[in-house]
N, C-alpha and C. Protein backbone atom coordinates (compact mmCIF):
# COMPACT_ATOMS: atom_id res chain seq x y z
N MET A 1 39.56 -39.21 17.43
CA MET A 1 39.99 -39.01 19.02
C MET A 1 41.36 -39.26 19.48
N ARG A 2 42.11 -38.03 20.08
CA ARG A 2 43.43 -38.33 20.65
C ARG A 2 43.43 -38.31 21.98
N LEU A 3 44.30 -38.77 22.92
CA LEU A 3 44.30 -38.34 24.32
C LEU A 3 45.77 -37.66 24.15
N LEU A 4 45.69 -36.05 24.74
CA LEU A 4 46.61 -35.76 25.36
C LEU A 4 47.19 -35.71 26.50
N LEU A 5 48.18 -35.98 27.12
CA LEU A 5 48.81 -35.95 28.66
C LEU A 5 50.21 -35.23 28.81
N ARG A 6 50.07 -34.16 29.84
CA ARG A 6 51.31 -33.62 29.81
C ARG A 6 51.84 -34.10 31.55
N ARG A 7 52.95 -34.26 31.67
CA ARG A 7 53.25 -34.78 33.31
C ARG A 7 54.37 -33.20 33.95
N SER A 8 54.33 -33.35 34.84
CA SER A 8 55.12 -32.29 35.57
C SER A 8 55.26 -32.82 37.00
N VAL A 9 56.53 -32.34 37.47
CA VAL A 9 56.60 -32.36 39.11
C VAL A 9 57.10 -30.94 39.76
N GLY A 10 56.59 -31.01 40.68
CA GLY A 10 57.04 -29.46 41.28
C GLY A 10 56.73 -29.76 42.91
N THR A 11 56.46 -28.66 43.49
CA THR A 11 56.64 -28.56 45.03
C THR A 11 54.81 -27.91 45.50
N HIS A 12 54.48 -28.61 46.47
CA HIS A 12 53.22 -28.15 46.94
C HIS A 12 53.02 -26.35 46.94
N GLN A 13 51.97 -26.06 46.73
CA GLN A 13 51.93 -24.43 47.17
C GLN A 13 52.09 -24.15 48.36
N PHE A 14 51.26 -24.58 49.31
CA PHE A 14 51.71 -24.07 50.52
C PHE A 14 52.66 -24.59 51.60
N MET A 15 53.03 -25.96 50.99
CA MET A 15 54.37 -26.68 51.99
C MET A 15 55.47 -27.12 50.58
N PRO A 16 56.14 -25.93 50.53
CA PRO A 16 57.37 -26.24 49.58
C PRO A 16 58.49 -27.54 49.89
N TRP A 17 58.37 -28.00 51.24
CA TRP A 17 59.19 -29.51 51.31
C TRP A 17 58.20 -30.60 50.61
N ARG A 18 57.12 -30.50 50.19
CA ARG A 18 56.38 -31.78 49.61
C ARG A 18 56.32 -31.75 48.07
N MET A 19 56.72 -32.92 47.75
CA MET A 19 56.48 -32.69 45.82
C MET A 19 55.14 -33.35 45.74
N GLU A 20 54.87 -32.69 44.69
CA GLU A 20 53.49 -32.80 44.02
C GLU A 20 53.75 -33.26 42.32
N TYR A 21 52.82 -34.31 42.30
CA TYR A 21 52.77 -34.38 40.52
C TYR A 21 51.81 -34.19 39.97
N ALA A 22 51.76 -33.58 38.85
CA ALA A 22 50.67 -33.11 38.08
C ALA A 22 50.71 -33.72 36.85
N LEU A 23 49.11 -34.22 36.32
CA LEU A 23 49.10 -34.93 35.02
C LEU A 23 47.75 -33.72 34.17
N TRP A 24 48.28 -33.30 33.33
CA TRP A 24 47.52 -32.48 32.50
C TRP A 24 47.13 -33.62 31.48
N ALA A 25 45.37 -33.77 31.34
CA ALA A 25 44.91 -34.59 30.52
C ALA A 25 43.94 -33.69 29.57
N ARG A 26 44.09 -34.30 28.60
CA ARG A 26 42.63 -33.56 27.65
C ARG A 26 42.56 -34.75 26.31
N PHE A 27 41.15 -34.60 26.34
CA PHE A 27 40.73 -35.28 24.93
C PHE A 27 40.53 -34.39 23.91
N GLU A 28 41.39 -34.90 22.80
CA GLU A 28 41.23 -33.90 21.05
C GLU A 28 40.34 -34.62 20.44
N LEU A 29 39.41 -33.76 20.05
CA LEU A 29 37.97 -34.23 19.02
C LEU A 29 38.28 -33.90 17.56
N THR A 30 37.90 -34.70 16.70
CA THR A 30 37.63 -34.01 15.43
C THR A 30 36.56 -33.14 15.41
N ASP A 31 36.54 -32.58 14.21
CA ASP A 31 35.34 -31.82 14.21
C ASP A 31 33.90 -32.45 14.04
N THR A 32 33.65 -33.54 13.40
CA THR A 32 32.71 -34.50 13.67
C THR A 32 32.24 -35.14 15.26
N GLU A 33 33.29 -35.76 15.64
CA GLU A 33 33.10 -35.91 16.89
C GLU A 33 32.43 -34.89 18.04
N ARG A 34 33.10 -33.66 17.93
CA ARG A 34 32.32 -32.41 18.31
C ARG A 34 31.19 -32.22 18.22
N ILE A 35 30.51 -32.40 17.31
CA ILE A 35 29.35 -32.26 16.42
C ILE A 35 28.65 -33.12 17.08
N LEU A 36 28.98 -34.41 17.32
CA LEU A 36 28.06 -35.34 17.63
C LEU A 36 28.36 -35.15 19.38
N ILE A 37 29.01 -34.45 19.88
CA ILE A 37 28.89 -34.47 21.44
C ILE A 37 27.96 -33.52 21.53
N ARG A 38 28.08 -32.10 20.69
CA ARG A 38 26.80 -31.00 20.57
C ARG A 38 25.24 -31.70 20.53
N LYS A 39 25.18 -32.23 19.26
CA LYS A 39 24.38 -32.61 19.10
C LYS A 39 23.21 -33.51 20.37
N TYR A 40 24.13 -34.67 20.97
CA TYR A 40 23.41 -34.94 22.00
C TYR A 40 23.76 -34.50 23.43
N ASN A 41 24.39 -33.44 23.56
CA ASN A 41 24.49 -32.52 24.87
C ASN A 41 25.38 -33.28 25.69
N LEU A 42 26.48 -33.79 25.40
CA LEU A 42 26.98 -34.61 26.66
C LEU A 42 27.98 -33.77 26.86
N GLU A 43 28.37 -32.70 26.87
CA GLU A 43 29.54 -31.83 27.74
C GLU A 43 29.40 -31.65 29.03
N GLY A 44 27.73 -31.52 29.43
CA GLY A 44 27.70 -31.69 30.73
C GLY A 44 27.58 -32.80 31.62
N THR A 45 27.36 -33.50 31.10
CA THR A 45 27.65 -35.14 31.91
C THR A 45 28.80 -35.28 32.27
N TYR A 46 28.87 -36.41 33.15
CA TYR A 46 30.08 -37.07 33.62
C TYR A 46 30.94 -38.08 32.90
N LEU A 47 31.86 -37.91 33.06
CA LEU A 47 32.77 -39.36 32.39
C LEU A 47 32.73 -39.93 33.58
N THR A 48 33.09 -39.45 34.46
CA THR A 48 33.04 -40.78 35.78
C THR A 48 32.88 -39.91 36.92
N ILE A 49 32.54 -40.50 37.96
CA ILE A 49 32.79 -39.94 39.16
C ILE A 49 33.54 -41.06 40.53
N GLU A 50 34.46 -40.69 40.56
CA GLU A 50 35.25 -41.92 41.27
C GLU A 50 35.33 -41.68 42.88
N GLY A 51 35.31 -42.93 43.32
CA GLY A 51 35.21 -43.14 44.77
C GLY A 51 34.24 -42.63 45.27
N SER A 52 32.63 -42.93 44.59
CA SER A 52 31.91 -42.18 45.42
C SER A 52 31.52 -42.67 46.72
N TRP A 53 31.51 -43.76 46.85
CA TRP A 53 30.95 -44.29 47.92
C TRP A 53 31.87 -44.12 49.38
N ARG A 54 33.46 -44.16 48.84
CA ARG A 54 34.32 -43.82 50.11
C ARG A 54 34.13 -42.48 50.32
N ASP A 55 34.32 -41.67 49.24
CA ASP A 55 34.15 -39.78 49.60
C ASP A 55 32.65 -39.57 50.37
N TYR A 56 31.70 -40.45 50.26
CA TYR A 56 30.84 -40.38 50.88
C TYR A 56 30.20 -40.83 52.32
N ARG A 57 31.24 -41.70 52.60
CA ARG A 57 31.25 -41.89 54.01
C ARG A 57 32.03 -40.92 54.86
N LYS A 58 32.90 -40.73 54.06
CA LYS A 58 34.05 -40.00 54.81
C LYS A 58 33.78 -38.20 54.90
N ALA A 59 32.58 -37.57 54.07
CA ALA A 59 31.71 -36.50 54.00
C ALA A 59 30.73 -36.86 55.14
N LEU A 60 29.99 -38.07 55.21
CA LEU A 60 29.33 -38.32 56.67
C LEU A 60 29.55 -38.00 58.20
N LEU A 61 31.10 -38.80 57.79
CA LEU A 61 31.95 -38.53 59.20
C LEU A 61 32.58 -36.86 59.71
N ILE A 62 32.47 -36.16 58.67
CA ILE A 62 33.15 -34.77 58.56
C ILE A 62 32.15 -33.86 58.96
N ALA A 63 30.69 -34.21 58.16
CA ALA A 63 29.88 -33.20 58.56
C ALA A 63 29.17 -33.57 60.18
N ILE A 64 29.71 -34.41 60.90
CA ILE A 64 29.04 -34.49 62.19
C ILE A 64 29.81 -33.10 62.98
N ILE A 65 30.79 -32.73 63.01
CA ILE A 65 31.40 -31.98 63.79
C ILE A 65 30.83 -30.58 63.48
N PRO A 66 30.31 -29.95 62.36
CA PRO A 66 29.99 -28.67 62.20
C PRO A 66 28.42 -28.68 62.45
N THR A 67 27.75 -29.81 61.94
CA THR A 67 26.66 -30.02 62.60
C THR A 67 26.25 -29.64 63.87
N VAL A 68 27.12 -30.66 64.76
CA VAL A 68 26.91 -30.37 66.22
C VAL A 68 27.13 -28.71 66.64
N LEU A 69 27.96 -28.16 65.79
CA LEU A 69 28.36 -26.62 66.37
C LEU A 69 27.39 -25.82 65.80
N ILE A 70 26.82 -25.90 64.75
CA ILE A 70 25.61 -25.41 64.45
C ILE A 70 24.08 -25.19 65.24
N THR A 71 24.47 -26.71 65.64
CA THR A 71 22.56 -27.10 66.41
C THR A 71 23.18 -26.49 68.14
N LEU A 72 23.98 -26.43 68.36
CA LEU A 72 24.47 -25.55 69.83
C LEU A 72 24.22 -24.24 69.63
N PHE A 73 24.77 -23.76 68.49
CA PHE A 73 24.55 -22.22 68.22
C PHE A 73 23.15 -21.84 68.20
N VAL A 74 22.44 -22.55 67.34
CA VAL A 74 20.83 -22.61 67.37
C VAL A 74 20.10 -22.79 68.44
N GLY A 75 20.66 -23.98 69.25
CA GLY A 75 19.44 -24.43 70.41
C GLY A 75 19.87 -23.53 71.48
N SER A 76 21.18 -22.68 71.34
CA SER A 76 21.49 -21.80 72.80
C SER A 76 20.21 -20.83 73.01
N SER A 77 19.11 -20.57 71.86
CA SER A 77 18.01 -20.06 72.26
C SER A 77 16.85 -20.12 73.16
N PRO A 78 16.49 -19.75 74.32
CA PRO A 78 15.79 -20.46 74.76
C PRO A 78 14.00 -20.46 74.02
N LYS A 79 13.98 -19.44 73.08
CA LYS A 79 12.76 -19.57 72.40
C LYS A 79 12.19 -20.17 71.19
N ILE A 80 13.69 -21.30 70.83
CA ILE A 80 13.23 -22.30 69.62
C ILE A 80 13.12 -23.45 70.31
N SER A 81 12.07 -24.35 69.67
CA SER A 81 11.43 -25.44 70.20
C SER A 81 12.30 -26.92 69.77
N PHE A 82 12.20 -27.36 70.75
CA PHE A 82 12.86 -29.17 70.31
C PHE A 82 12.74 -29.45 69.49
N VAL A 83 11.74 -29.51 68.42
CA VAL A 83 11.27 -29.97 67.32
C VAL A 83 12.20 -29.58 66.24
N PHE A 84 12.02 -28.18 66.44
CA PHE A 84 12.83 -27.49 65.32
C PHE A 84 14.30 -27.63 65.11
N ILE A 85 14.53 -27.53 66.81
CA ILE A 85 16.04 -28.05 66.38
C ILE A 85 16.70 -29.29 66.07
N ILE A 86 15.93 -30.30 66.04
CA ILE A 86 15.94 -31.60 65.67
C ILE A 86 15.49 -31.67 64.13
N ILE A 87 14.72 -30.94 64.02
CA ILE A 87 14.26 -30.58 62.41
C ILE A 87 15.63 -29.86 61.38
N PHE A 88 16.02 -28.85 62.37
CA PHE A 88 17.28 -28.10 61.40
C PHE A 88 18.51 -29.03 61.66
N SER A 89 18.52 -29.30 62.42
CA SER A 89 20.18 -30.20 62.55
C SER A 89 20.01 -31.60 61.91
N THR A 90 18.83 -31.97 61.33
CA THR A 90 18.75 -33.01 60.22
C THR A 90 19.11 -32.69 59.12
N PHE A 91 18.59 -31.50 58.76
CA PHE A 91 18.50 -30.76 57.50
C PHE A 91 20.06 -30.30 57.46
N SER A 92 20.69 -29.40 58.44
CA SER A 92 22.13 -29.31 58.43
C SER A 92 22.80 -30.48 58.07
N TYR A 93 22.43 -31.62 58.79
CA TYR A 93 24.02 -32.75 58.62
C TYR A 93 23.39 -33.22 57.29
N LEU A 94 22.15 -33.17 56.73
CA LEU A 94 22.09 -33.37 55.00
C LEU A 94 22.61 -32.62 54.12
N ALA A 95 22.70 -31.50 54.17
CA ALA A 95 23.05 -30.36 53.40
C ALA A 95 24.91 -30.02 53.62
N LEU A 96 25.08 -30.14 54.74
CA LEU A 96 26.72 -30.10 54.75
C LEU A 96 27.15 -31.39 54.33
N THR A 97 26.56 -32.67 54.91
CA THR A 97 27.13 -34.36 53.97
C THR A 97 27.30 -33.87 52.50
N TRP A 98 26.28 -33.14 51.59
CA TRP A 98 26.26 -33.15 50.27
C TRP A 98 27.17 -32.31 49.89
N LEU A 99 27.38 -31.05 50.87
CA LEU A 99 28.25 -30.09 50.01
C LEU A 99 29.75 -30.77 50.33
N ILE A 100 30.16 -31.07 51.75
CA ILE A 100 31.49 -32.10 51.54
C ILE A 100 31.68 -32.99 50.82
N TYR A 101 30.74 -33.96 50.35
CA TYR A 101 30.89 -34.70 49.39
C TYR A 101 31.14 -34.43 47.73
N GLU A 102 30.45 -33.30 47.69
CA GLU A 102 30.89 -32.68 46.39
C GLU A 102 32.49 -32.05 46.17
N GLN A 103 32.65 -31.61 47.34
CA GLN A 103 34.13 -31.44 47.64
C GLN A 103 35.01 -32.26 47.46
N LEU A 104 34.71 -33.76 48.04
CA LEU A 104 35.70 -34.48 48.15
C LEU A 104 35.69 -35.48 46.81
N ARG A 105 34.91 -35.92 46.23
CA ARG A 105 34.49 -36.61 44.95
C ARG A 105 35.23 -36.19 43.92
N ASP A 106 36.04 -37.33 43.32
CA ASP A 106 36.73 -36.80 41.93
C ASP A 106 35.34 -36.72 40.63
N ALA A 107 34.94 -36.22 40.44
CA ALA A 107 34.36 -35.79 39.24
C ALA A 107 34.69 -35.41 38.08
N ILE A 108 34.43 -36.15 36.98
CA ILE A 108 35.49 -35.82 35.61
C ILE A 108 34.15 -35.44 34.54
N LYS A 109 33.67 -34.23 34.58
CA LYS A 109 32.73 -33.70 33.36
C LYS A 109 33.40 -34.14 31.78
N ILE A 110 32.64 -34.30 31.16
CA ILE A 110 33.10 -34.25 29.75
C ILE A 110 33.87 -32.99 28.99
N LEU A 111 33.07 -31.95 29.34
CA LEU A 111 33.62 -30.52 28.98
C LEU A 111 34.70 -30.06 29.83
N ASP A 112 35.10 -30.90 31.00
CA ASP A 112 36.24 -30.54 31.69
C ASP A 112 37.80 -31.15 30.76
N ILE A 113 37.33 -32.42 30.40
CA ILE A 113 38.43 -33.11 30.13
C ILE A 113 38.56 -32.91 28.32
N LEU A 114 37.60 -32.14 27.87
CA LEU A 114 37.73 -31.49 26.31
C LEU A 114 38.54 -30.41 26.51
N ASN A 115 38.56 -29.77 27.36
CA ASN A 115 39.39 -28.35 27.74
C ASN A 115 40.65 -28.85 28.12
N GLY A 116 40.53 -29.75 28.78
CA GLY A 116 41.60 -30.18 29.87
C GLY A 116 41.50 -29.77 31.13
N ARG A 117 42.14 -30.80 31.78
CA ARG A 117 42.24 -30.85 33.28
C ARG A 117 43.66 -31.07 33.87
N ASP A 118 43.84 -30.57 35.41
CA ASP A 118 44.93 -31.09 35.88
C ASP A 118 44.65 -31.92 37.09
N PHE A 119 45.15 -32.76 37.13
CA PHE A 119 45.29 -33.96 38.26
C PHE A 119 46.50 -33.77 39.17
N LYS A 120 46.29 -33.41 40.73
CA LYS A 120 47.45 -33.38 41.09
C LYS A 120 47.64 -34.54 42.00
N SER A 121 48.61 -35.31 42.63
CA SER A 121 48.58 -36.27 43.70
C SER A 121 49.94 -36.27 44.65
N ARG A 122 50.27 -36.70 45.54
CA ARG A 122 51.55 -36.74 46.50
C ARG A 122 52.41 -37.82 46.03
N SER A 123 52.00 -38.82 45.27
CA SER A 123 52.43 -40.04 45.18
C SER A 123 52.95 -40.06 43.62
N ALA A 124 54.34 -40.74 43.65
CA ALA A 124 54.58 -41.10 41.92
C ALA A 124 53.60 -42.44 41.60
N VAL A 125 53.40 -43.20 42.60
CA VAL A 125 52.72 -44.44 41.94
C VAL A 125 51.17 -44.01 41.71
N LEU A 126 50.50 -43.40 42.56
CA LEU A 126 49.32 -42.56 42.20
C LEU A 126 49.18 -41.87 40.82
N HIS A 127 50.23 -41.12 40.33
CA HIS A 127 50.28 -40.69 39.35
C HIS A 127 50.52 -41.67 37.97
N ILE A 128 51.14 -42.67 38.17
CA ILE A 128 51.32 -43.55 37.15
C ILE A 128 49.53 -44.59 36.96
N ARG A 129 49.37 -44.34 38.42
CA ARG A 129 48.00 -44.74 38.24
C ARG A 129 46.88 -44.22 37.70
N ARG A 130 46.92 -42.77 37.48
CA ARG A 130 46.04 -41.69 37.11
C ARG A 130 46.15 -41.63 35.68
N GLU A 131 47.36 -41.92 35.29
CA GLU A 131 47.54 -42.13 33.84
C GLU A 131 47.08 -43.12 33.17
N ARG A 132 47.04 -44.28 33.61
CA ARG A 132 46.38 -45.66 33.12
C ARG A 132 44.86 -45.57 33.13
N VAL A 133 44.83 -44.91 34.16
CA VAL A 133 43.23 -44.63 34.44
C VAL A 133 42.52 -43.48 33.45
N MET A 134 43.19 -42.82 33.07
CA MET A 134 42.66 -41.61 31.81
C MET A 134 42.87 -42.24 30.73
N LEU A 135 43.90 -43.26 30.56
CA LEU A 135 43.69 -43.79 29.15
C LEU A 135 42.60 -44.98 28.96
N GLY A 136 41.99 -45.38 30.13
CA GLY A 136 40.98 -46.03 30.26
C GLY A 136 39.58 -45.65 29.54
N TYR A 137 39.57 -44.47 30.46
CA TYR A 137 38.53 -43.35 30.01
C TYR A 137 38.40 -43.11 28.57
N ALA A 138 39.67 -42.71 28.01
CA ALA A 138 39.64 -42.22 26.44
C ALA A 138 39.15 -43.47 25.87
N LEU A 139 39.70 -44.79 26.10
CA LEU A 139 39.32 -46.01 25.34
C LEU A 139 37.49 -46.05 25.23
N ALA A 140 36.88 -45.82 26.90
CA ALA A 140 35.54 -45.85 27.05
C ALA A 140 34.87 -44.75 25.98
N PHE A 141 35.62 -43.80 26.50
CA PHE A 141 35.03 -42.47 25.60
C PHE A 141 35.00 -42.63 23.84
N LYS A 142 36.04 -43.10 23.62
CA LYS A 142 36.52 -43.49 21.97
C LYS A 142 35.08 -44.54 21.58
N ASN A 143 34.84 -45.59 22.58
CA ASN A 143 33.81 -46.52 22.11
C ASN A 143 32.66 -45.97 22.24
N LEU A 144 32.18 -44.47 23.11
CA LEU A 144 31.01 -43.94 22.93
C LEU A 144 30.46 -43.32 21.79
N LEU A 145 31.81 -42.88 21.55
CA LEU A 145 31.98 -41.79 20.41
C LEU A 145 31.38 -42.39 19.04
N ALA A 146 31.94 -43.98 19.10
CA ALA A 146 31.59 -44.94 17.87
C ALA A 146 30.20 -45.44 18.17
N VAL A 147 29.61 -45.74 19.05
CA VAL A 147 28.27 -45.78 19.39
C VAL A 147 27.09 -44.75 18.98
N ILE A 148 27.56 -43.48 19.15
CA ILE A 148 26.21 -42.25 19.30
C ILE A 148 26.45 -42.34 17.63
N GLN A 149 27.53 -42.48 17.11
CA GLN A 149 27.42 -42.54 15.34
C GLN A 149 26.16 -42.77 14.91
N SER A 150 25.51 -43.82 15.31
CA SER A 150 24.59 -44.20 14.69
C SER A 150 23.42 -44.45 16.16
N TRP A 151 23.39 -43.65 16.67
CA TRP A 151 22.51 -43.50 18.18
C TRP A 151 21.09 -43.87 17.67
N GLU A 152 20.48 -43.03 16.57
CA GLU A 152 19.17 -43.17 16.55
C GLU A 152 18.73 -44.20 15.81
N GLY A 153 19.52 -45.04 15.21
CA GLY A 153 19.24 -46.36 14.30
C GLY A 153 19.02 -47.41 15.36
N THR A 154 18.47 -48.30 14.06
CA THR A 154 18.12 -49.57 15.22
C THR A 154 19.38 -50.52 14.77
N GLU A 155 19.73 -50.98 15.95
CA GLU A 155 21.09 -52.59 16.04
C GLU A 155 20.43 -53.46 16.20
N THR A 156 20.93 -54.53 15.66
CA THR A 156 20.65 -56.06 15.52
C THR A 156 21.75 -56.53 16.33
N ILE A 157 21.50 -57.18 17.34
CA ILE A 157 22.71 -57.71 17.89
C ILE A 157 22.52 -59.53 18.14
N GLU A 158 23.04 -60.19 17.24
CA GLU A 158 23.11 -61.51 16.98
C GLU A 158 23.66 -61.98 18.80
N LEU A 159 22.84 -63.04 19.31
CA LEU A 159 23.48 -63.46 20.56
C LEU A 159 24.37 -64.86 20.28
N GLY A 160 25.06 -64.82 20.83
CA GLY A 160 25.71 -66.05 20.79
C GLY A 160 26.73 -66.49 21.95
N SER A 161 27.98 -67.47 22.33
CA SER A 161 28.03 -67.96 23.58
C SER A 161 28.94 -67.23 24.25
N GLU A 162 29.38 -65.94 23.48
CA GLU A 162 29.95 -64.87 24.32
C GLU A 162 28.92 -63.76 25.16
N HIS A 163 27.56 -63.96 24.65
CA HIS A 163 26.53 -63.32 25.92
C HIS A 163 26.05 -64.21 26.99
N GLU A 164 26.58 -65.82 26.79
CA GLU A 164 25.78 -66.33 27.83
C GLU A 164 25.98 -66.00 29.22
N ALA A 165 27.05 -65.56 29.48
CA ALA A 165 26.93 -65.22 31.12
C ALA A 165 26.00 -63.90 31.12
N ALA A 166 26.15 -63.02 30.47
CA ALA A 166 25.11 -61.92 30.65
C ALA A 166 23.54 -62.48 30.67
N LEU A 167 23.21 -63.28 29.78
CA LEU A 167 21.99 -64.03 29.89
C LEU A 167 21.98 -65.27 31.10
N ARG A 168 22.50 -65.76 31.56
CA ARG A 168 22.67 -66.19 32.68
C ARG A 168 22.25 -65.76 33.96
N MET A 169 22.74 -64.51 33.83
CA MET A 169 22.27 -63.39 35.10
C MET A 169 21.35 -62.91 35.18
N VAL A 170 21.00 -62.74 34.00
CA VAL A 170 19.24 -62.01 34.05
C VAL A 170 18.30 -63.21 34.25
N THR A 171 18.73 -64.07 33.85
CA THR A 171 17.84 -65.79 34.22
C THR A 171 17.73 -66.20 35.49
N ASP A 172 18.99 -65.95 36.46
CA ASP A 172 19.08 -66.37 37.51
C ASP A 172 18.31 -65.11 38.31
N THR A 173 18.23 -64.00 38.11
CA THR A 173 17.89 -63.19 38.61
C THR A 173 16.34 -63.14 38.80
N TYR A 174 15.50 -63.94 37.68
CA TYR A 174 14.30 -63.73 37.85
C TYR A 174 13.56 -65.01 37.79
N ALA A 175 14.71 -66.10 38.21
CA ALA A 175 14.46 -67.43 38.27
C ALA A 175 13.43 -67.53 39.47
N PRO A 176 12.36 -68.74 39.69
CA PRO A 176 11.34 -68.81 40.91
C PRO A 176 12.61 -69.03 41.87
N ALA A 177 11.98 -68.67 43.26
CA ALA A 177 12.74 -69.12 44.13
C ALA A 177 12.07 -70.49 45.15
């Protein structure tokens, strides 16, 4: 597996006075790695979902305004009951929050990165940060490929001092209070 990166700098599409940094990233796989990905149907799964809590909170705030407008529009009819308006506005708020969240979050599917994906930012520092993050994702994905080569087999892990922190965490969680 290889990570391919292409950097470019240009102007924003709608605001020509603003600089925009673009990074194109792609994972290049061998034929055996591609067969493994298809065998375990990993193409549609997510490589990562970044900033999900931050984006969820932002979506919660943004969804308030359209929900209020929709509720005022629907509630203006005198034939609609108050209970229906409450249920409808709750459902609208949840649906709008989910739709806005799906637009805000930065979710990277494995198929996207196998085909190549563009990432844009307005900051050179964020651009470099994205490069480092993509390198980390590539290393994690390479480890995943190594693991799925023996996915259906049995693996024996000898526990040693390097696993003591994980063991301590599990035993502390289940210790009697």
